[in-house]
């Protein structure tokens, strides 16, 4: 059975696991908002895993905010996730 861990950025720096079996099947997906500064998370364990980093808005429809139009994730974003998972270790 696959497991999913949600690790906030502040905790990701310290996260680690010594379970070798988990290391063989774990991947790292980082999702941030497009206007967020690129925050670098350096973690000796996470840096060794296959990773996908996406930058998208958590929206279901376009929203006007200030002078910008924020748009929901695209089919391309979804395709990146599907492709990543299809190649991920099992």
N, C-alpha and C. Protein backbone atom coordinates (compact mmCIF):
# COMPACT_ATOMS: atom_id res chain seq x y z
N UNK A 1 0.83 -1.17 0.00
CA UNK A 1 0.00 0.00 0.00
C UNK A 1 0.89 1.25 0.00
N UNK A 2 0.53 2.23 -0.81
CA UNK A 2 1.30 3.47 -0.88
C UNK A 2 0.92 4.37 0.28
N UNK A 3 1.88 5.15 0.71
CA UNK A 3 1.65 6.12 1.79
C UNK A 3 1.91 7.52 1.26
N UNK A 4 1.22 8.48 1.82
CA UNK A 4 1.42 9.88 1.46
C UNK A 4 1.72 10.65 2.74
N UNK A 5 2.77 11.46 2.67
CA UNK A 5 3.13 12.31 3.80
C UNK A 5 3.02 13.75 3.36
N UNK A 6 2.34 14.56 4.12
CA UNK A 6 2.31 15.99 3.86
C UNK A 6 3.27 16.63 4.85
N UNK A 7 4.33 17.19 4.33
CA UNK A 7 5.35 17.77 5.19
C UNK A 7 5.44 19.27 4.91
N UNK A 8 5.04 20.12 5.85
CA UNK A 8 5.18 21.57 5.65
C UNK A 8 6.65 21.93 5.43
N UNK A 9 6.86 23.00 4.68
CA UNK A 9 8.22 23.42 4.35
C UNK A 9 9.09 23.58 5.59
N UNK A 10 8.55 24.14 6.66
CA UNK A 10 9.36 24.36 7.87
C UNK A 10 9.82 23.04 8.48
N UNK A 11 9.06 21.97 8.27
CA UNK A 11 9.45 20.67 8.81
C UNK A 11 10.31 19.87 7.83
N UNK A 12 10.25 20.21 6.55
CA UNK A 12 10.97 19.43 5.54
C UNK A 12 12.48 19.47 5.74
N UNK A 13 12.98 20.58 6.27
CA UNK A 13 14.43 20.67 6.48
C UNK A 13 14.91 19.60 7.45
N UNK A 14 14.06 19.22 8.40
CA UNK A 14 14.45 18.27 9.44
C UNK A 14 13.95 16.86 9.19
N UNK A 15 13.08 16.66 8.17
CA UNK A 15 12.47 15.35 7.97
C UNK A 15 13.47 14.34 7.46
N UNK A 16 13.32 13.13 7.92
CA UNK A 16 14.18 12.06 7.45
C UNK A 16 13.62 10.73 7.89
N UNK A 17 14.10 9.69 7.28
CA UNK A 17 13.63 8.37 7.63
C UNK A 17 14.76 7.40 7.35
N UNK A 18 14.99 6.50 8.27
CA UNK A 18 16.08 5.54 8.10
C UNK A 18 15.58 4.21 7.56
N UNK A 19 14.30 4.10 7.28
CA UNK A 19 13.72 2.86 6.75
C UNK A 19 14.14 2.71 5.28
N UNK A 20 15.05 1.80 5.00
CA UNK A 20 15.58 1.61 3.64
C UNK A 20 14.48 1.25 2.65
N UNK A 21 13.50 0.46 3.06
CA UNK A 21 12.42 0.08 2.16
C UNK A 21 11.61 1.32 1.75
N UNK A 22 11.37 2.22 2.69
CA UNK A 22 10.65 3.45 2.38
C UNK A 22 11.46 4.31 1.42
N UNK A 23 12.75 4.39 1.62
CA UNK A 23 13.60 5.18 0.73
C UNK A 23 13.53 4.70 -0.72
N UNK A 24 13.33 3.42 -0.92
CA UNK A 24 13.26 2.85 -2.27
C UNK A 24 11.96 3.18 -2.98
N UNK A 25 10.93 3.56 -2.24
CA UNK A 25 9.61 3.78 -2.85
C UNK A 25 9.09 5.20 -2.67
N UNK A 26 9.87 6.04 -2.06
CA UNK A 26 9.42 7.40 -1.74
C UNK A 26 9.81 8.38 -2.85
N UNK A 27 8.96 9.36 -3.09
CA UNK A 27 9.26 10.46 -4.01
C UNK A 27 8.92 11.77 -3.31
N UNK A 28 9.38 12.87 -3.87
CA UNK A 28 9.15 14.17 -3.27
C UNK A 28 8.44 15.05 -4.29
N UNK A 29 7.29 15.58 -3.90
CA UNK A 29 6.56 16.53 -4.74
C UNK A 29 6.43 17.82 -3.95
N UNK A 30 6.91 18.90 -4.53
CA UNK A 30 6.85 20.21 -3.90
C UNK A 30 5.93 21.11 -4.72
N UNK A 31 4.89 21.64 -4.07
CA UNK A 31 3.95 22.52 -4.76
C UNK A 31 3.93 23.86 -4.04
N UNK A 32 4.15 24.92 -4.80
CA UNK A 32 4.13 26.26 -4.23
C UNK A 32 3.27 27.17 -5.10
N UNK A 33 2.97 28.35 -4.58
CA UNK A 33 2.23 29.33 -5.36
C UNK A 33 3.18 30.05 -6.30
N UNK A 34 2.69 30.45 -7.49
CA UNK A 34 3.57 31.08 -8.48
C UNK A 34 4.31 32.33 -7.99
N UNK A 35 3.71 33.13 -7.13
CA UNK A 35 4.39 34.35 -6.70
C UNK A 35 5.24 34.16 -5.45
N UNK A 36 5.26 32.94 -4.92
CA UNK A 36 6.08 32.65 -3.76
C UNK A 36 7.54 32.70 -4.16
N UNK A 37 8.34 33.28 -3.31
CA UNK A 37 9.78 33.26 -3.60
C UNK A 37 10.24 31.82 -3.59
N UNK A 38 11.16 31.52 -4.46
CA UNK A 38 11.70 30.16 -4.51
C UNK A 38 12.39 29.87 -3.17
N UNK A 39 11.73 29.10 -2.36
CA UNK A 39 12.30 28.76 -1.07
C UNK A 39 13.07 27.46 -1.22
N UNK A 40 14.30 27.50 -0.85
CA UNK A 40 15.13 26.32 -1.00
C UNK A 40 15.05 25.51 0.28
N UNK A 41 14.68 24.26 0.12
CA UNK A 41 14.68 23.33 1.23
C UNK A 41 15.82 22.37 0.99
N UNK A 42 16.78 22.38 1.87
CA UNK A 42 17.91 21.49 1.73
C UNK A 42 17.78 20.41 2.79
N UNK A 43 17.69 19.18 2.34
CA UNK A 43 17.53 18.05 3.24
C UNK A 43 18.27 16.88 2.62
N UNK A 44 19.21 16.35 3.34
CA UNK A 44 20.07 15.27 2.83
C UNK A 44 19.24 14.07 2.35
N UNK A 45 18.16 13.77 3.00
CA UNK A 45 17.32 12.64 2.62
C UNK A 45 16.45 12.97 1.41
N UNK A 46 15.72 14.08 1.48
CA UNK A 46 14.81 14.44 0.39
C UNK A 46 15.56 14.72 -0.91
N UNK A 47 16.75 15.29 -0.82
CA UNK A 47 17.52 15.63 -2.03
C UNK A 47 17.89 14.39 -2.85
N UNK A 48 17.88 13.21 -2.24
CA UNK A 48 18.24 11.98 -2.95
C UNK A 48 17.04 11.32 -3.63
N UNK A 49 15.84 11.81 -3.37
CA UNK A 49 14.63 11.19 -3.92
C UNK A 49 14.28 11.78 -5.28
N UNK A 50 13.57 11.00 -6.12
CA UNK A 50 13.02 11.60 -7.34
C UNK A 50 12.09 12.74 -6.94
N UNK A 51 12.15 13.87 -7.64
CA UNK A 51 11.34 15.01 -7.20
C UNK A 51 10.65 15.70 -8.36
N UNK A 52 9.51 16.29 -8.02
CA UNK A 52 8.75 17.11 -8.96
C UNK A 52 8.40 18.39 -8.23
N UNK A 53 8.74 19.52 -8.83
CA UNK A 53 8.40 20.81 -8.23
C UNK A 53 7.43 21.52 -9.17
N UNK A 54 6.27 21.90 -8.62
CA UNK A 54 5.25 22.60 -9.37
C UNK A 54 4.95 23.93 -8.71
N UNK A 55 4.57 24.88 -9.53
CA UNK A 55 4.18 26.19 -9.04
C UNK A 55 2.81 26.50 -9.64
N UNK A 56 1.78 26.51 -8.80
CA UNK A 56 0.42 26.73 -9.30
C UNK A 56 -0.48 27.28 -8.22
N UNK A 57 -1.60 27.84 -8.65
CA UNK A 57 -2.60 28.37 -7.71
C UNK A 57 -3.59 27.27 -7.36
N UNK A 58 -4.00 27.22 -6.12
CA UNK A 58 -4.99 26.26 -5.64
C UNK A 58 -6.38 26.86 -5.87
N UNK A 59 -6.81 26.85 -7.13
CA UNK A 59 -8.08 27.45 -7.53
C UNK A 59 -8.85 26.51 -8.44
N UNK A 60 -10.17 26.71 -8.50
CA UNK A 60 -10.99 25.94 -9.44
C UNK A 60 -11.44 26.79 -10.62
N UNK A 61 -11.29 28.11 -10.49
CA UNK A 61 -11.62 29.02 -11.60
C UNK A 61 -10.76 30.26 -11.49
N UNK A 62 -10.65 30.99 -12.59
CA UNK A 62 -9.82 32.20 -12.62
C UNK A 62 -10.37 33.24 -11.65
N UNK A 63 -9.46 33.97 -11.00
CA UNK A 63 -9.82 34.99 -10.02
C UNK A 63 -9.01 36.25 -10.31
N UNK A 64 -9.66 37.39 -10.30
CA UNK A 64 -8.97 38.68 -10.45
C UNK A 64 -8.49 39.09 -9.06
N UNK A 65 -7.20 39.34 -8.94
CA UNK A 65 -6.63 39.74 -7.66
C UNK A 65 -5.67 40.89 -7.92
N UNK A 66 -5.94 42.01 -7.27
CA UNK A 66 -5.20 43.25 -7.53
C UNK A 66 -5.29 43.53 -9.03
N UNK A 67 -4.17 43.54 -9.72
CA UNK A 67 -4.21 43.80 -11.16
C UNK A 67 -3.83 42.56 -11.95
N UNK A 68 -3.95 41.42 -11.32
CA UNK A 68 -3.51 40.18 -11.94
C UNK A 68 -4.69 39.19 -11.99
N UNK A 69 -4.69 38.34 -12.99
CA UNK A 69 -5.67 37.26 -13.05
C UNK A 69 -4.96 35.97 -12.68
N UNK A 70 -5.42 35.36 -11.59
CA UNK A 70 -4.86 34.10 -11.14
C UNK A 70 -5.67 32.97 -11.77
N UNK A 71 -4.98 32.00 -12.33
CA UNK A 71 -5.68 30.93 -13.03
C UNK A 71 -5.47 29.59 -12.31
N UNK A 72 -6.44 28.69 -12.43
CA UNK A 72 -6.30 27.38 -11.79
C UNK A 72 -5.24 26.54 -12.50
N UNK A 73 -4.87 25.42 -11.90
CA UNK A 73 -3.91 24.53 -12.57
C UNK A 73 -4.42 24.13 -13.95
N UNK A 74 -3.49 23.94 -14.85
CA UNK A 74 -3.83 23.59 -16.23
C UNK A 74 -3.79 22.07 -16.43
N UNK A 75 -4.23 21.66 -17.60
CA UNK A 75 -4.10 20.25 -17.96
C UNK A 75 -2.63 19.86 -18.00
N UNK A 76 -1.79 20.80 -18.40
CA UNK A 76 -0.35 20.54 -18.42
C UNK A 76 0.19 20.23 -17.03
N UNK A 77 -0.31 20.96 -16.02
CA UNK A 77 0.11 20.69 -14.64
C UNK A 77 -0.32 19.28 -14.23
N UNK A 78 -1.56 18.93 -14.56
CA UNK A 78 -2.07 17.59 -14.24
C UNK A 78 -1.24 16.53 -14.96
N UNK A 79 -0.88 16.80 -16.22
CA UNK A 79 -0.08 15.85 -17.00
C UNK A 79 1.28 15.62 -16.35
N UNK A 80 1.89 16.69 -15.84
CA UNK A 80 3.19 16.55 -15.16
C UNK A 80 3.08 15.61 -13.97
N UNK A 81 1.99 15.76 -13.19
CA UNK A 81 1.77 14.87 -12.05
C UNK A 81 1.58 13.42 -12.49
N UNK A 82 0.73 13.21 -13.49
CA UNK A 82 0.47 11.86 -13.98
C UNK A 82 1.75 11.22 -14.51
N UNK A 83 2.51 11.97 -15.30
CA UNK A 83 3.76 11.45 -15.85
C UNK A 83 4.75 11.10 -14.74
N UNK A 84 4.83 11.98 -13.74
CA UNK A 84 5.75 11.75 -12.62
C UNK A 84 5.37 10.48 -11.87
N UNK A 85 4.08 10.34 -11.56
CA UNK A 85 3.63 9.15 -10.82
C UNK A 85 3.79 7.89 -11.65
N UNK A 86 3.61 7.96 -12.95
CA UNK A 86 3.74 6.76 -13.78
C UNK A 86 5.19 6.27 -13.84
N UNK A 87 6.14 7.17 -13.58
CA UNK A 87 7.56 6.78 -13.60
C UNK A 87 8.13 6.57 -12.20
N UNK A 88 7.33 6.87 -11.18
CA UNK A 88 7.81 6.79 -9.79
C UNK A 88 8.03 5.33 -9.36
N UNK A 89 8.94 5.12 -8.42
CA UNK A 89 9.16 3.76 -7.91
C UNK A 89 7.89 3.22 -7.26
N UNK A 90 7.71 1.95 -7.31
CA UNK A 90 6.52 1.32 -6.72
C UNK A 90 6.89 0.50 -5.51
